[in-house]
Amino acid sequence: LTGATGFFGAFLVVALLKHEPLSHTMFYCLVRASNEEQGRKKLKENMDFYNLTFDSSRVKILVGSLEEEMFGIEPRLYRELAENLRMIIHNGALVNSFSNYSKLKPHNVIGTVHAISLSLLSGAPLHHISTIGILSASQLQPEKTKETSRLPCTNLSHLSGYSQSKWVAEQIVFASVERNGLIASVFRPGTIFASSISGACNPRDTVVKIINGIARIGAVCLHDQSPLPLRFFLAPVDWCARSTVLICADSSFLSETREDEKFEVREREKVYHLVAQRPTSLHEVVSALREEGYVVEERENKSFRGLIDERAIGEDHPLFVFRSVLGNSETGYASATHEGPSDENTRLRLSALGCNETR
């Protein structure tokens, strides 16, 4: 597992360790650290931050980094790792919506190349964690973008550097499937939100910052041309992690053979959207804040924009980094009223595995 010290990664660790068919399995976690002890401490601190407990005796720390050849792992250990691997979940990435492609490429693109290399050497299937954000690269309405779609790049220049890097990484995975016989699946999470059990969330997440910001300034704009999104598709992180692990660990996936004449078609269908089945409206968010005792007054568009400029001052304010978007944009999010992306593959696979949780 790469990316174990992130938000989604922490819940993947728990889901992997709790999955009964993997109860006698050891897990390797790639962690950027100076030594194994520091790496284990870093992993533990991340788990503690989200109030998660785990069996550390079944987790081995691999000190390394995504951008280095062989993940920066010593050659002898790397060969030993390849001989023992049965599955790779490549969740590691540098997540920053404000960084450009060049800065993110070493981690998100080259890191994926290194994950592919390890998968090909070991024969272990690669499960690549991408993002639903890349759907905007095609200019297709997300609800019309099926999980089997190869996305054109007609709108790629308008994406954030992060989404661009994840789009390129996906293309490399697909190309390796076709040219090198890579066994792979691609997961495209939408907005991975707070745990449905504990409420633990990622404080750096855009939606979390927006909700926090509304609470801080004590106001919101619910107008059609609000500078805020009027609805969010929020998938609980624990559901996303359990679903990912359930599909990744499915024995029928691991036992597929390359001789199957329908392999190429079926392989291309191994794209899964991890998204909410229904949106959460901004009205619902505001109602929930009020129920918790926050005073949130409604403002007209212009007044709300001015309030953001006036109060979202200082880098510690959750809306500070969004001021140029939320405070000054002349167009709101009203046009973004499309349905959520298709998740037919995910629902069918999970149903076949006996999982029918709603989210």
Protein backbone atom coordinates (compact mmCIF):
# COMPACT_ATOMS: atom_id res chain seq x y z
CA LEU A 1 0.00 0.00 0.00
CA THR A 2 1.26 3.44 -0.94
CA GLY A 3 -0.19 6.59 0.58
CA ALA A 4 -0.89 4.98 3.96
CA THR A 5 -0.11 8.20 5.83
CA GLY A 6 -2.89 10.16 4.14
CA PHE A 7 -6.61 10.44 4.93
CA PHE A 8 -7.91 7.72 2.61
CA GLY A 9 -4.78 5.64 3.20
CA ALA A 10 -5.44 5.45 6.94
CA PHE A 11 -8.88 3.99 6.37
CA LEU A 12 -7.52 1.61 3.73
CA VAL A 13 -5.11 0.25 6.36
CA VAL A 14 -8.03 -0.46 8.70
CA ALA A 15 -10.18 -1.97 5.95
CA LEU A 16 -7.36 -4.25 4.80
CA LEU A 17 -6.60 -5.47 8.30
CA LYS A 18 -10.28 -6.09 9.08
CA HIS A 19 -11.08 -7.94 5.85
CA GLU A 20 -11.56 -11.54 6.96
CA PRO A 21 -10.15 -13.27 3.84
CA LEU A 22 -6.92 -11.33 4.45
CA SER A 23 -6.74 -12.09 8.16
CA HIS A 24 -3.44 -13.99 7.85
CA THR A 25 -1.85 -11.52 5.45
CA MET A 26 1.05 -9.18 6.13
CA PHE A 27 0.92 -5.68 4.66
CA TYR A 28 3.74 -3.48 3.46
CA CYS A 29 3.25 0.28 3.71
CA LEU A 30 5.55 2.60 1.78
CA VAL A 31 6.34 5.57 4.01
CA ARG A 32 8.57 8.57 3.38
CA ALA A 33 10.87 8.63 6.41
CA SER A 34 14.56 8.58 7.37
CA ASN A 35 14.32 5.08 8.87
CA GLU A 36 11.84 2.32 9.69
CA GLU A 37 11.27 3.51 13.26
CA GLN A 38 10.38 7.01 12.11
CA GLY A 39 8.18 5.55 9.39
CA ARG A 40 6.26 3.44 11.90
CA LYS A 41 5.86 6.47 14.15
CA LYS A 42 4.57 8.53 11.22
CA LEU A 43 2.01 5.86 10.34
CA LYS A 44 0.88 5.55 13.98
CA GLU A 45 0.49 9.31 14.36
CA ASN A 46 -1.64 9.46 11.23
CA MET A 47 -3.88 6.65 12.47
CA ASP A 48 -4.20 8.35 15.86
CA PHE A 49 -5.16 11.63 14.19
CA TYR A 50 -8.24 9.96 12.72
CA ASN A 51 -8.93 7.97 15.92
CA LEU A 52 -8.21 4.65 14.21
CA THR A 53 -6.80 1.55 15.86
CA PHE A 54 -4.94 -1.16 13.96
CA ASP A 55 -2.87 -4.28 14.44
CA SER A 56 0.62 -2.92 13.86
CA SER A 57 2.15 -6.41 14.11
CA ARG A 58 0.75 -7.17 10.64
CA VAL A 59 2.15 -4.01 9.06
CA LYS A 60 5.70 -3.76 7.75
CA ILE A 61 7.17 -0.36 6.97
CA LEU A 62 9.02 0.19 3.70
CA VAL A 63 11.06 3.38 3.85
CA GLY A 64 10.98 5.06 0.47
CA SER A 65 9.30 7.61 -1.78
CA LEU A 66 7.07 7.55 -4.84
CA GLU A 67 9.34 9.52 -7.16
CA GLU A 68 12.49 7.41 -6.67
CA GLU A 69 13.42 4.43 -8.85
CA MET A 70 12.19 1.22 -7.19
CA PHE A 71 10.48 3.54 -4.70
CA GLY A 72 13.92 4.17 -3.20
CA ILE A 73 13.94 0.67 -1.70
CA GLU A 74 17.26 -1.16 -1.37
CA PRO A 75 17.63 -3.59 -4.34
CA ARG A 76 17.83 -6.79 -2.28
CA LEU A 77 14.74 -5.86 -0.28
CA TYR A 78 12.97 -4.79 -3.47
CA ARG A 79 13.54 -8.21 -5.06
CA GLU A 80 12.35 -9.92 -1.88
CA LEU A 81 9.27 -7.73 -1.89
CA ALA A 82 8.48 -8.59 -5.51
CA GLU A 83 8.73 -12.30 -4.75
CA ASN A 84 6.16 -12.08 -1.97
CA LEU A 85 3.62 -9.53 -3.20
CA ARG A 86 0.09 -10.65 -4.03
CA MET A 87 -1.56 -7.27 -4.49
CA ILE A 88 -0.58 -3.61 -4.84
CA ILE A 89 -2.89 -0.71 -3.93
CA HIS A 90 -1.33 2.45 -5.29
CA ASN A 91 -3.01 5.20 -3.32
CA GLY A 92 0.01 7.46 -2.86
CA ALA A 93 -0.06 10.90 -4.47
CA LEU A 94 0.75 14.51 -3.77
CA VAL A 95 -2.68 16.12 -3.45
CA ASN A 96 -2.68 19.85 -4.07
CA SER A 97 -5.28 21.59 -6.21
CA PHE A 98 -3.15 24.73 -6.42
CA SER A 99 0.11 23.17 -7.67
CA ASN A 100 0.92 22.89 -11.36
CA TYR A 101 1.44 19.68 -13.30
CA SER A 102 5.25 19.93 -13.32
CA LYS A 103 5.43 20.00 -9.54
CA LEU A 104 3.06 17.04 -9.14
CA LYS A 105 4.43 14.88 -11.97
CA PRO A 106 7.28 13.24 -9.98
CA HIS A 107 4.89 11.98 -7.30
CA ASN A 108 1.69 11.31 -9.23
CA VAL A 109 2.94 10.27 -12.66
CA ILE A 110 6.44 8.88 -12.13
CA GLY A 111 5.24 7.29 -8.88
CA THR A 112 2.59 5.42 -10.88
CA VAL A 113 5.23 4.27 -13.36
CA HIS A 114 7.19 2.81 -10.44
CA ALA A 115 4.07 1.06 -9.12
CA ILE A 116 3.51 -0.45 -12.57
CA SER A 117 7.12 -1.65 -12.69
CA LEU A 118 6.74 -3.41 -9.35
CA SER A 119 3.45 -4.96 -10.47
CA LEU A 120 4.96 -6.30 -13.69
CA LEU A 121 8.01 -7.67 -11.86
CA SER A 122 5.98 -9.36 -9.13
CA GLY A 123 2.92 -10.38 -11.14
CA ALA A 124 0.75 -8.84 -8.42
CA PRO A 125 -2.37 -7.00 -9.67
CA LEU A 126 -2.17 -3.23 -9.46
CA HIS A 127 -5.13 -1.32 -8.04
CA HIS A 128 -4.63 2.32 -8.96
CA ILE A 129 -6.46 5.02 -6.99
CA SER A 130 -7.27 7.88 -9.36
CA THR A 131 -9.89 10.64 -8.98
CA ILE A 132 -13.32 11.43 -10.37
CA GLY A 133 -11.95 14.89 -11.10
CA ILE A 134 -10.44 13.70 -14.36
CA LEU A 135 -13.91 13.31 -15.90
CA SER A 136 -13.83 17.02 -16.66
CA ALA A 137 -11.01 16.34 -19.15
CA SER A 138 -13.52 15.03 -21.69
CA GLN A 139 -16.15 17.82 -21.61
CA LEU A 140 -18.73 15.05 -21.31
CA GLN A 141 -21.45 15.35 -18.70
CA PRO A 142 -20.23 13.21 -15.77
CA GLU A 143 -23.49 11.25 -15.63
CA LYS A 144 -22.86 10.17 -19.23
CA THR A 145 -19.28 9.08 -18.54
CA LYS A 146 -19.39 5.37 -17.89
CA GLU A 147 -16.78 3.57 -15.85
CA THR A 148 -15.55 1.83 -18.98
CA SER A 149 -14.82 5.10 -20.77
CA ARG A 150 -11.36 6.03 -21.93
CA LEU A 151 -11.39 9.76 -21.45
CA PRO A 152 -10.33 12.07 -24.27
CA CYS A 153 -8.28 15.11 -23.37
CA THR A 154 -10.27 17.81 -25.15
CA ASN A 155 -10.57 19.85 -21.96
CA LEU A 156 -7.35 18.82 -20.22
CA SER A 157 -5.82 22.31 -20.19
CA HIS A 158 -8.70 23.55 -18.03
CA LEU A 159 -8.11 21.03 -15.25
CA SER A 160 -6.05 21.61 -12.13
CA GLY A 161 -2.48 20.38 -12.17
CA TYR A 162 -3.55 17.61 -9.79
CA SER A 163 -6.32 16.32 -12.08
CA GLN A 164 -3.99 16.58 -15.07
CA SER A 165 -1.38 14.45 -13.30
CA LYS A 166 -3.99 11.84 -12.36
CA TRP A 167 -5.33 11.75 -15.94
CA VAL A 168 -1.83 11.12 -17.30
CA ALA A 169 -1.23 8.42 -14.66
CA GLU A 170 -4.43 6.64 -15.72
CA GLN A 171 -3.39 6.68 -19.37
CA ILE A 172 -0.07 5.08 -18.46
CA VAL A 173 -1.89 2.34 -16.52
CA PHE A 174 -4.23 1.63 -19.46
CA ALA A 175 -1.32 1.66 -21.91
CA SER A 176 0.60 -0.84 -19.79
CA VAL A 177 -2.46 -3.12 -19.66
CA GLU A 178 -2.54 -3.21 -23.45
CA ARG A 179 1.18 -3.30 -24.20
CA ASN A 180 2.75 -5.10 -21.25
CA GLY A 181 0.00 -7.39 -19.95
CA LEU A 182 -0.42 -5.46 -16.69
CA ILE A 183 -3.27 -6.77 -14.53
CA ALA A 184 -4.89 -3.63 -13.17
CA SER A 185 -8.01 -1.89 -11.96
CA VAL A 186 -8.64 1.83 -11.58
CA PHE A 187 -10.69 3.39 -8.80
CA ARG A 188 -11.98 6.93 -9.23
CA PRO A 189 -13.15 8.30 -5.87
CA GLY A 190 -15.35 11.37 -5.80
CA THR A 191 -15.34 13.59 -2.73
CA ILE A 192 -14.16 11.29 0.06
CA PHE A 193 -15.86 12.75 3.10
CA ALA A 194 -16.02 12.15 6.83
CA SER A 195 -16.34 8.70 8.39
CA SER A 196 -19.96 7.62 8.80
CA ILE A 197 -18.97 6.09 12.16
CA SER A 198 -16.77 8.66 13.89
CA GLY A 199 -17.10 11.79 11.77
CA ALA A 200 -13.32 11.90 11.35
CA CYS A 201 -12.51 14.00 8.31
CA ASN A 202 -9.65 15.49 6.36
CA PRO A 203 -9.20 19.11 7.54
CA ARG A 204 -7.42 19.95 4.28
CA ASP A 205 -10.36 18.80 2.12
CA THR A 206 -12.01 21.51 0.02
CA VAL A 207 -15.57 20.72 1.14
CA VAL A 208 -14.52 20.54 4.80
CA LYS A 209 -12.88 23.96 4.45
CA ILE A 210 -16.00 25.40 2.84
CA ILE A 211 -18.24 24.07 5.62
CA ASN A 212 -15.77 25.28 8.25
CA GLY A 213 -15.62 28.64 6.51
CA ILE A 214 -19.41 29.05 6.54
CA ALA A 215 -19.40 28.35 10.27
CA ARG A 216 -16.55 30.83 10.85
CA ILE A 217 -18.04 33.78 8.97
CA GLY A 218 -21.58 32.95 10.13
CA ALA A 219 -23.14 33.48 6.73
CA VAL A 220 -24.00 31.73 3.48
CA CYS A 221 -25.41 32.52 0.07
CA LEU A 222 -28.06 30.09 -1.17
CA HIS A 223 -28.87 32.14 -4.26
CA ASP A 224 -28.82 30.49 -7.69
CA GLN A 225 -25.61 32.34 -8.50
CA SER A 226 -23.96 31.59 -5.18
CA PRO A 227 -20.15 31.47 -5.29
CA LEU A 228 -20.50 28.24 -3.31
CA PRO A 229 -21.43 24.85 -4.79
CA LEU A 230 -25.13 24.28 -4.19
CA ARG A 231 -24.69 20.56 -3.68
CA PHE A 232 -21.98 18.03 -2.93
CA PHE A 233 -21.58 14.34 -3.69
CA LEU A 234 -20.05 13.12 -0.42
CA ALA A 235 -18.98 9.49 -0.03
CA PRO A 236 -18.02 8.38 3.51
CA VAL A 237 -14.35 7.48 3.71
CA ASP A 238 -15.02 4.21 5.56
CA TRP A 239 -17.42 3.07 2.82
CA CYS A 240 -14.90 4.00 0.12
CA ALA A 241 -12.15 2.06 1.88
CA ARG A 242 -14.26 -1.05 2.54
CA SER A 243 -15.54 -1.09 -1.04
CA THR A 244 -12.05 -0.71 -2.47
CA VAL A 245 -10.66 -3.54 -0.35
CA LEU A 246 -13.63 -5.80 -1.05
CA ILE A 247 -13.13 -5.44 -4.81
CA CYS A 248 -9.33 -5.62 -4.66
CA ALA A 249 -9.32 -8.76 -2.53
CA ASP A 250 -11.98 -10.53 -4.60
CA SER A 251 -10.50 -13.94 -5.38
CA SER A 252 -12.20 -14.07 -8.77
CA PHE A 253 -10.22 -10.99 -9.78
CA LEU A 254 -6.92 -12.41 -8.60
CA SER A 255 -7.46 -15.76 -10.32
CA GLU A 256 -8.24 -14.43 -13.80
CA THR A 257 -5.93 -15.77 -16.47
CA ARG A 258 -4.40 -14.02 -19.45
CA GLU A 259 -5.59 -16.79 -21.81
CA ASP A 260 -9.22 -15.68 -21.64
CA GLU A 261 -10.08 -14.39 -25.11
CA LYS A 262 -12.43 -11.84 -23.55
CA PHE A 263 -9.74 -10.58 -21.23
CA GLU A 264 -9.20 -7.24 -22.93
CA VAL A 265 -12.87 -6.30 -22.80
CA ARG A 266 -13.26 -7.38 -19.19
CA GLU A 267 -10.01 -5.69 -18.21
CA ARG A 268 -11.20 -2.38 -19.56
CA GLU A 269 -14.31 -2.73 -17.46
CA LYS A 270 -12.28 -2.75 -14.27
CA VAL A 271 -12.82 0.93 -13.62
CA TYR A 272 -14.80 1.77 -10.51
CA HIS A 273 -16.34 5.08 -9.47
CA LEU A 274 -16.56 5.49 -5.70
CA VAL A 275 -19.24 8.14 -5.45
CA ALA A 276 -22.26 9.09 -3.38
CA GLN A 277 -25.60 7.86 -4.66
CA ARG A 278 -27.33 11.13 -3.91
CA PRO A 279 -26.11 14.69 -3.44
CA THR A 280 -26.07 16.63 -0.19
CA SER A 281 -27.44 20.12 -0.78
CA LEU A 282 -25.95 23.29 0.62
CA HIS A 283 -29.31 23.79 2.36
CA GLU A 284 -28.78 20.50 4.22
CA VAL A 285 -25.27 21.55 5.22
CA VAL A 286 -26.53 24.86 6.60
CA SER A 287 -29.39 23.13 8.45
CA ALA A 288 -26.92 20.72 10.06
CA LEU A 289 -24.70 23.61 11.18
CA ARG A 290 -27.68 25.39 12.70
CA GLU A 291 -28.74 22.23 14.51
CA GLU A 292 -25.27 22.18 16.07
CA GLY A 293 -25.80 25.70 17.37
CA TYR A 294 -24.01 27.75 14.71
CA VAL A 295 -25.60 31.03 13.69
CA VAL A 296 -25.64 31.16 9.89
CA GLU A 297 -27.43 34.04 8.26
CA GLU A 298 -28.39 34.13 4.59
CA ARG A 299 -26.89 36.84 2.42
CA GLU A 300 -27.40 37.94 -1.17
CA ASN A 301 -24.67 37.15 -3.65
CA LYS A 302 -22.83 40.49 -3.64
CA SER A 303 -23.08 40.87 0.13
CA PHE A 304 -21.71 37.38 0.72
CA ARG A 305 -18.77 37.94 -1.63
CA GLY A 306 -17.94 41.13 0.22
CA LEU A 307 -18.10 39.29 3.53
CA ILE A 308 -15.56 36.75 2.29
CA ASP A 309 -13.18 39.53 1.27
CA GLU A 310 -13.68 41.22 4.63
CA ARG A 311 -13.39 38.24 6.98
CA ALA A 312 -11.42 35.51 5.20
CA ILE A 313 -8.13 37.18 6.04
CA GLY A 314 -5.03 35.27 7.02
CA GLU A 315 -3.86 31.87 5.92
CA ASP A 316 -5.42 30.19 8.95
CA HIS A 317 -8.92 31.06 7.73
CA PRO A 318 -10.49 28.05 5.93
CA LEU A 319 -11.74 30.24 3.06
CA PHE A 320 -8.51 32.20 2.59
CA VAL A 321 -7.13 30.02 -0.22
CA PHE A 322 -10.48 30.20 -2.03
CA ARG A 323 -10.88 33.99 -1.97
CA SER A 324 -9.97 34.42 -5.62
CA VAL A 325 -12.60 31.84 -6.56
CA LEU A 326 -15.34 32.33 -3.98
CA GLY A 327 -14.92 36.03 -3.37
CA ASN A 328 -14.33 37.49 -6.81
CA SER A 329 -15.76 35.14 -9.42
CA GLU A 330 -18.64 36.70 -11.35
CA THR A 331 -20.18 33.33 -12.10
CA GLY A 332 -21.50 30.91 -9.52
CA TYR A 333 -21.98 27.19 -9.40
CA ALA A 334 -25.64 27.21 -10.37
CA SER A 335 -24.96 25.59 -13.73
CA ALA A 336 -23.28 22.62 -12.03
CA THR A 337 -26.57 20.83 -11.38
CA HIS A 338 -25.77 17.61 -13.23
CA GLU A 339 -26.28 14.19 -11.79
CA GLY A 340 -23.42 12.30 -10.21
CA PRO A 341 -21.09 10.12 -12.30
CA SER A 342 -22.16 6.63 -13.30
CA ASP A 343 -21.16 3.95 -10.80
CA GLU A 344 -22.79 0.93 -12.42
CA ASN A 345 -19.64 -1.21 -12.38
CA THR A 346 -19.07 -0.52 -8.70
CA ARG A 347 -22.66 -1.32 -7.72
CA LEU A 348 -22.71 -4.54 -9.76
CA ARG A 349 -19.38 -5.78 -8.41
CA LEU A 350 -20.24 -4.96 -4.80
CA SER A 351 -23.69 -6.57 -5.15
CA ALA A 352 -22.07 -9.71 -6.53
CA LEU A 353 -19.80 -9.72 -3.47
CA GLY A 354 -22.78 -9.44 -1.13
CA CYS A 355 -22.31 -5.77 -0.25
CA ASN A 356 -25.36 -3.55 -0.70
CA GLU A 357 -24.51 -0.65 1.59
CA THR A 358 -26.05 2.69 0.73
CA ARG A 359 -24.01 5.86 0.84
